[in-house]
Protein backbone atom coordinates (compact mmCIF):
# COMPACT_ATOMS: atom_id res chain seq x y z
CA MET A 1 -18.29 -23.01 -27.29
CA LYS A 2 -22.09 -23.11 -27.34
CA ASP A 3 -23.75 -19.65 -27.59
CA PHE A 4 -23.71 -18.27 -24.02
CA ASP A 5 -24.54 -14.90 -22.67
CA LEU A 6 -21.38 -13.72 -21.06
CA ASP A 7 -22.81 -10.55 -19.93
CA ARG A 8 -24.77 -12.78 -17.60
CA PHE A 9 -21.58 -12.75 -15.39
CA ARG A 10 -20.38 -9.18 -15.91
CA TYR A 11 -20.91 -6.39 -13.27
CA ASP A 12 -20.00 -2.97 -14.20
CA GLY A 13 -21.97 -0.90 -11.57
CA SER A 14 -25.01 -0.58 -13.72
CA GLN A 15 -26.88 -3.23 -11.59
CA PRO A 16 -26.35 -4.34 -7.91
CA PHE A 17 -24.49 -7.54 -7.26
CA LYS A 18 -26.14 -10.07 -4.97
CA ILE A 19 -23.85 -12.95 -4.09
CA LYS A 20 -26.60 -15.24 -3.07
CA LYS A 21 -28.18 -14.83 -6.34
CA ALA A 22 -24.88 -15.61 -8.33
CA PRO A 23 -24.73 -19.23 -9.60
CA THR A 24 -21.87 -21.44 -8.73
CA LYS A 25 -22.89 -23.80 -11.45
CA VAL A 26 -23.94 -23.70 -15.09
CA ASP A 27 -24.77 -26.26 -17.78
CA ASP A 28 -21.80 -27.85 -19.27
CA LEU A 29 -20.17 -25.83 -22.02
CA TYR A 30 -18.28 -28.87 -23.34
CA ALA A 31 -19.50 -32.33 -24.54
CA ASP A 32 -16.75 -34.36 -23.01
CA LYS A 33 -13.04 -34.33 -21.89
CA ASP A 34 -11.88 -34.33 -25.55
CA ASP A 35 -14.15 -31.56 -26.52
CA TYR A 36 -13.13 -29.49 -23.33
CA GLU A 37 -9.40 -29.91 -24.23
CA SER A 38 -10.21 -28.91 -27.82
CA ARG A 39 -11.97 -25.77 -26.93
CA ARG A 40 -9.40 -24.83 -24.26
CA SER A 41 -6.49 -25.38 -26.75
CA GLU A 42 -8.27 -23.12 -29.34
CA GLN A 43 -8.88 -20.46 -26.59
CA ALA A 44 -5.21 -20.53 -25.59
CA ALA A 45 -3.94 -20.06 -29.25
CA GLU A 46 -6.49 -17.18 -29.60
CA ILE A 47 -5.26 -15.37 -26.43
CA ASP A 48 -1.74 -15.99 -27.66
CA SER A 49 -2.60 -14.26 -31.00
CA TRP A 50 -4.24 -11.31 -29.38
CA GLN A 51 -1.32 -10.67 -27.07
CA GLU A 52 1.02 -10.78 -30.19
CA LYS A 53 -1.32 -8.13 -31.67
CA MET A 54 -1.27 -6.05 -28.56
CA TYR A 55 2.54 -6.29 -28.33
CA ALA A 56 2.91 -5.04 -31.91
CA HIS A 57 0.52 -2.37 -31.47
CA ASN A 58 2.12 -1.41 -28.18
CA HIS A 59 -0.59 1.01 -27.00
CA TYR A 60 -2.52 -1.14 -24.62
CA GLY A 61 -1.78 -3.60 -21.69
CA LEU A 62 -3.86 -5.95 -19.80
CA VAL A 63 -4.28 -6.49 -16.05
CA VAL A 64 -6.17 -9.73 -15.18
CA VAL A 65 -7.22 -10.17 -11.51
CA PHE A 66 -8.14 -13.26 -9.89
CA GLN A 67 -9.89 -13.37 -6.51
CA ALA A 68 -11.59 -16.18 -4.70
CA LEU A 69 -11.96 -18.19 -1.61
CA ASP A 70 -9.48 -21.04 -0.95
CA ALA A 71 -9.71 -24.05 -3.18
CA ALA A 72 -11.85 -22.12 -5.78
CA GLY A 73 -9.20 -23.03 -8.58
CA LYS A 74 -7.28 -19.80 -9.30
CA ASP A 75 -3.93 -21.53 -9.80
CA GLY A 76 -5.40 -24.08 -12.10
CA THR A 77 -7.26 -21.64 -14.06
CA ILE A 78 -4.26 -19.32 -14.68
CA GLN A 79 -2.24 -22.42 -15.82
CA HIS A 80 -4.94 -23.76 -18.26
CA VAL A 81 -6.10 -20.46 -19.65
CA PHE A 82 -2.88 -19.09 -20.32
CA THR A 83 -1.02 -22.13 -21.32
CA GLY A 84 0.23 -21.55 -24.93
CA THR A 85 0.56 -17.83 -24.62
CA ASN A 86 4.04 -16.57 -25.30
CA PRO A 87 5.80 -16.52 -21.88
CA THR A 88 7.57 -13.30 -22.78
CA GLY A 89 4.17 -11.66 -22.98
CA VAL A 90 2.77 -12.85 -19.61
CA ARG A 91 3.63 -12.19 -16.07
CA VAL A 92 1.95 -13.97 -13.11
CA TYR A 93 2.20 -12.41 -9.70
CA SER A 94 0.95 -14.29 -6.57
CA PHE A 95 0.36 -11.93 -3.66
CA LYS A 96 0.60 -13.77 -0.29
CA ARG A 97 0.99 -12.25 3.26
CA PRO A 98 2.65 -9.02 3.08
CA THR A 99 6.49 -8.94 3.87
CA GLU A 100 8.13 -6.60 6.31
CA GLN A 101 9.23 -4.42 3.36
CA GLU A 102 5.72 -4.31 1.92
CA LEU A 103 4.24 -3.22 5.29
CA ASP A 104 6.70 -0.34 5.31
CA HIS A 105 4.92 0.95 2.22
CA ASP A 106 1.33 1.92 1.41
CA TRP A 107 -1.14 -0.77 0.73
CA LEU A 108 -1.15 -0.35 -2.98
CA TRP A 109 2.59 -0.35 -3.36
CA ARG A 110 3.31 -4.09 -3.81
CA SER A 111 0.75 -4.34 -6.58
CA TRP A 112 1.49 -1.10 -8.29
CA ARG A 113 5.16 -2.20 -8.87
CA GLU A 114 4.05 -5.32 -10.67
CA LEU A 115 1.89 -3.73 -13.16
CA PRO A 116 2.61 -4.89 -16.82
CA GLU A 117 4.19 -3.07 -19.61
CA ARG A 118 2.32 -2.20 -22.72
CA GLY A 119 1.75 -5.07 -25.05
CA THR A 120 1.83 -7.49 -22.15
CA ILE A 121 -0.49 -9.37 -19.84
CA GLY A 122 -0.14 -9.08 -15.98
CA ILE A 123 -1.95 -11.77 -13.98
CA PHE A 124 -2.63 -11.05 -10.42
CA ASN A 125 -3.31 -14.28 -8.22
CA ARG A 126 -4.96 -12.15 -5.49
CA SER A 127 -4.28 -8.65 -5.54
CA TYR A 128 -4.75 -5.24 -3.89
CA TYR A 129 -8.46 -6.43 -3.36
CA GLU A 130 -7.13 -8.44 -0.30
CA GLU A 131 -6.95 -4.99 1.33
CA VAL A 132 -10.65 -4.75 1.34
CA LEU A 133 -11.46 -8.43 1.77
CA VAL A 134 -9.39 -10.18 4.30
CA THR A 135 -8.84 -6.91 6.40
CA LYS A 136 -12.57 -6.50 6.34
CA VAL A 137 -12.98 -9.97 7.83
CA HIS A 138 -10.13 -9.52 10.22
CA PRO A 139 -9.80 -5.81 11.07
CA GLU A 140 -7.11 -6.62 13.66
CA ILE A 141 -4.87 -6.71 10.61
CA LEU A 142 -5.35 -3.08 10.20
CA THR A 143 -5.04 -2.14 13.88
CA GLU A 144 -2.29 -4.51 14.98
CA ILE A 145 -0.24 -5.46 11.94
CA GLN A 146 -0.43 -2.64 9.27
CA ARG A 147 1.47 0.34 10.28
CA LEU A 148 -1.27 2.88 9.88
CA PRO A 149 -1.72 6.08 11.79
CA GLU A 150 -4.16 5.64 14.63
CA SER A 151 -6.15 8.53 13.27
CA GLU A 152 -7.06 6.28 10.23
CA THR A 153 -8.03 3.07 12.26
CA LYS A 154 -10.39 4.96 14.66
CA ASP A 155 -13.03 4.93 12.05
CA LEU A 156 -12.81 1.61 9.83
CA ASP A 157 -15.96 2.47 7.83
CA LYS A 158 -14.33 5.56 6.57
CA LEU A 159 -11.08 3.69 6.04
CA PHE A 160 -12.61 1.11 3.77
CA LYS A 161 -14.60 3.77 1.98
CA ASN A 162 -11.32 5.51 1.33
CA ARG A 163 -9.79 2.23 -0.14
CA TYR A 164 -12.68 1.60 -2.36
CA GLU A 165 -12.26 5.04 -3.70
CA GLY A 166 -8.53 4.43 -4.05
CA ILE A 167 -9.11 1.27 -6.09
CA ARG A 168 -11.53 2.99 -8.32
CA ASP A 169 -9.18 5.86 -8.86
CA VAL A 170 -6.29 3.41 -9.79
CA GLU A 171 -8.24 1.42 -12.15
CA LYS A 172 -9.50 4.64 -13.69
CA PHE A 173 -6.07 6.04 -14.09
CA LEU A 174 -4.98 2.63 -15.75
CA HIS A 175 -7.86 2.80 -18.05
CA HIS A 176 -6.93 6.46 -19.40
CA ASN A 177 -3.38 5.14 -19.79
CA GLY A 178 -4.34 2.08 -22.11
CA PHE A 179 -4.39 -0.64 -19.57
CA VAL A 180 -7.52 -2.74 -19.40
CA THR A 181 -8.25 -4.36 -15.86
CA LEU A 182 -10.44 -7.36 -15.94
CA LYS A 183 -11.37 -8.76 -12.47
CA PHE A 184 -12.64 -12.32 -11.97
CA TYR A 185 -14.29 -13.62 -8.78
CA LEU A 186 -14.28 -17.49 -8.96
CA HIS A 187 -17.47 -18.23 -7.07
CA VAL A 188 -17.29 -21.64 -5.45
CA SER A 189 -20.15 -23.16 -3.21
CA LYS A 190 -19.45 -23.99 0.41
CA ASP A 191 -20.13 -27.74 -0.26
CA GLU A 192 -17.77 -27.84 -3.15
CA GLN A 193 -15.01 -26.13 -1.28
CA ALA A 194 -15.34 -28.57 1.51
CA ASP A 195 -15.06 -31.49 -1.00
CA ARG A 196 -11.87 -30.03 -2.50
CA LEU A 197 -10.31 -29.36 0.81
CA ILE A 198 -11.03 -32.90 2.05
CA ALA A 199 -9.66 -34.28 -1.19
CA ARG A 200 -6.48 -32.52 -0.44
CA ILE A 201 -6.25 -34.26 2.95
CA GLU A 202 -7.21 -37.73 1.72
CA ASP A 203 -4.66 -37.79 -1.24
CA ALA A 204 -1.12 -37.92 0.12
CA GLU A 205 0.24 -36.35 -3.02
CA LYS A 206 -1.91 -33.33 -2.67
CA ASN A 207 -1.14 -32.75 1.17
CA TRP A 208 1.21 -30.11 0.10
CA LYS A 209 -1.71 -28.03 -1.14
CA PHE A 210 -3.38 -28.20 2.13
CA ASP A 211 -3.16 -25.33 4.59
CA GLU A 212 -4.55 -25.67 7.90
CA GLY A 213 -5.37 -22.07 7.99
CA ASP A 214 -7.86 -22.70 5.21
CA VAL A 215 -10.09 -24.64 7.71
CA LYS A 216 -10.00 -21.58 10.07
CA GLU A 217 -10.94 -19.14 7.38
CA ARG A 218 -13.64 -21.35 6.11
CA GLY A 219 -15.33 -20.53 9.57
CA TYR A 220 -15.63 -17.04 8.41
CA TRP A 221 -17.59 -18.02 5.19
CA ASP A 222 -20.45 -15.61 5.66
CA GLU A 223 -18.28 -12.68 6.43
CA TYR A 224 -16.09 -13.35 3.25
CA GLN A 225 -19.29 -13.49 1.15
CA GLN A 226 -20.47 -10.12 2.59
CA ALA A 227 -17.06 -8.63 2.02
CA TYR A 228 -16.92 -9.80 -1.60
CA GLU A 229 -20.36 -8.60 -2.27
CA GLU A 230 -19.57 -5.09 -0.94
CA ALA A 231 -16.21 -4.97 -2.65
CA ILE A 232 -17.66 -5.90 -6.18
CA ASN A 233 -20.46 -3.32 -5.78
CA GLU A 234 -18.13 -0.60 -4.66
CA THR A 235 -15.62 -1.17 -7.35
CA ALA A 236 -17.47 -2.52 -10.53
CA THR A 237 -17.27 0.06 -13.34
CA GLN A 238 -17.68 0.29 -17.04
CA HIS A 239 -13.99 0.37 -17.63
CA ALA A 240 -13.01 -2.18 -14.89
CA PRO A 241 -15.80 -4.71 -14.62
CA TRP A 242 -16.14 -7.65 -12.36
CA PHE A 243 -16.80 -11.11 -13.78
CA VAL A 244 -18.41 -13.53 -11.14
CA ILE A 245 -17.66 -16.93 -12.64
CA PRO A 246 -19.32 -20.21 -11.44
CA ALA A 247 -16.56 -22.14 -10.22
CA ASP A 248 -18.01 -25.64 -8.95
CA ASP A 249 -17.02 -27.11 -12.38
CA LYS A 250 -13.39 -26.20 -12.97
CA LYS A 251 -13.68 -26.92 -16.85
CA ASN A 252 -16.62 -24.61 -17.30
CA MET A 253 -14.87 -21.87 -15.28
CA ARG A 254 -11.85 -22.14 -17.25
CA LEU A 255 -13.63 -21.94 -20.55
CA LEU A 256 -15.66 -18.96 -19.36
CA VAL A 257 -12.62 -17.10 -18.16
CA GLY A 258 -10.82 -17.76 -21.56
CA ARG A 259 -13.76 -16.62 -23.72
CA ILE A 260 -14.33 -13.55 -21.67
CA ILE A 261 -10.63 -12.51 -21.97
CA ILE A 262 -10.76 -12.91 -25.61
CA GLU A 263 -14.01 -10.97 -26.16
CA GLU A 264 -12.62 -8.11 -24.07
CA LEU A 265 -9.45 -7.96 -26.12
CA LYS A 266 -11.40 -7.86 -29.25
CA LYS A 267 -13.02 -4.61 -28.12
CA LEU A 268 -9.66 -2.90 -28.20
CA PRO A 269 -8.92 -0.75 -31.35
CA ILE A 270 -5.74 -2.70 -31.88
CA LYS A 271 -4.17 -2.30 -35.45
CA GLU A 272 -1.66 -4.75 -36.69
CA PRO A 273 1.40 -3.29 -38.44
CA LYS A 274 0.77 -2.61 -42.04
CA PRO A 275 3.44 -3.69 -44.55
CA ASP A 276 5.80 -0.94 -45.65
CA LYS A 277 6.87 -1.30 -49.27
CA LYS A 278 9.93 0.88 -48.74
CA ARG A 279 11.08 -0.75 -45.68
CA PHE A 280 10.54 -4.24 -47.39
CA GLU A 281 12.72 -3.08 -50.31
CA GLU A 282 15.57 -1.80 -47.94
CA LEU A 283 15.34 -5.22 -45.97
CA GLN A 284 15.94 -7.21 -49.08
CA LYS A 285 19.38 -5.64 -49.45
CA LEU A 286 20.36 -7.35 -46.28
CA ILE A 287 19.72 -10.81 -47.48
CA PRO A 288 23.05 -11.28 -49.35
CA VAL A 289 24.82 -9.59 -46.49
CA ILE A 290 23.43 -12.30 -44.12
CA ARG A 291 24.35 -14.99 -46.61
CA GLY A 292 27.79 -13.83 -47.06
CA GLN A 293 28.62 -13.63 -43.25
C-alpha cells in the first residue's frame, strides 16, 4: 500500500470528531483489480501470522467492532479482511434484534458472553454500540421494548450518559486484562448508500440482501449521523480508539481496515516462543516411538 497516514482516521479522544468533516472517499490505494487482490491477500496472510503469534504468546486477545449504516459493507469487509486467517483463531458474531432471552438480561450481556479468548480475534458485526445508536434514534425501544425500570427511562439524557460511561468502563477493563478493542465506523455517503440499496432491488439475485426496513431507517439519516458523532466522541479513548473509514469505495475500505489491524497488532509486546534446547532433545526420543507404532 502506498504511504498513507492511518492516524488520519483514528479518533482516541484527543480531538473532537465531526462527522460532516470525515471523508467518505479517499484516493485509490491500489492501481487496479489485480493490485488490490494482491495487497488484500498479503494483508490476510499477515493478519493470520499475527494471530498465530498472539495465540502462541497467549497473553492478548483482540476485539474488532464494526459499526455502520445499512449497505456500508460490514459483511464484505469482514469476509475479505479475514479470509485466510486460521478459522480456529477467529470468531464472528452478528448482533441482530435482541431475543426474548437477551431482553431479560442487561444491555451488555449478549455482547459480554461472546468476548474472545486470549490468543484469538473476536469480530462483532454490530455490537453493544447499538444500545447508544438505534436506541438514541428510536427511544421508544427503551421505554416500550426493553424491560427497564421506569426510574431509568424518565431521564433519557442521563440514561445515555450512564451507557457511555458503562462502555468506557468495559473497554478499559478489557484493556487492563490484555484485550485490545478496535472500533471501526464504516462511513458511507447518503448517495452511495442509495445506489447500493437500489442495486439490491434491481438485481434479482441480490433481493435477499434487501430489507424494506432499511428504507425506513434511511429516513432517519441525520439522526443517525448525530448519534454516531456523539457515540464516537463519548467513547473514543487511547486504549479503545475509533477508526472512521471512508466506505464509498469498498476496496479502499477493506485495505484500510486490514492495514490498521496489522499496525495495531504490531504495537503489542508479543513474544514468540523461543526454542528450548532441553525440550528439543527430549522430543527427539519420541521419533523412534512414533515410527514404531
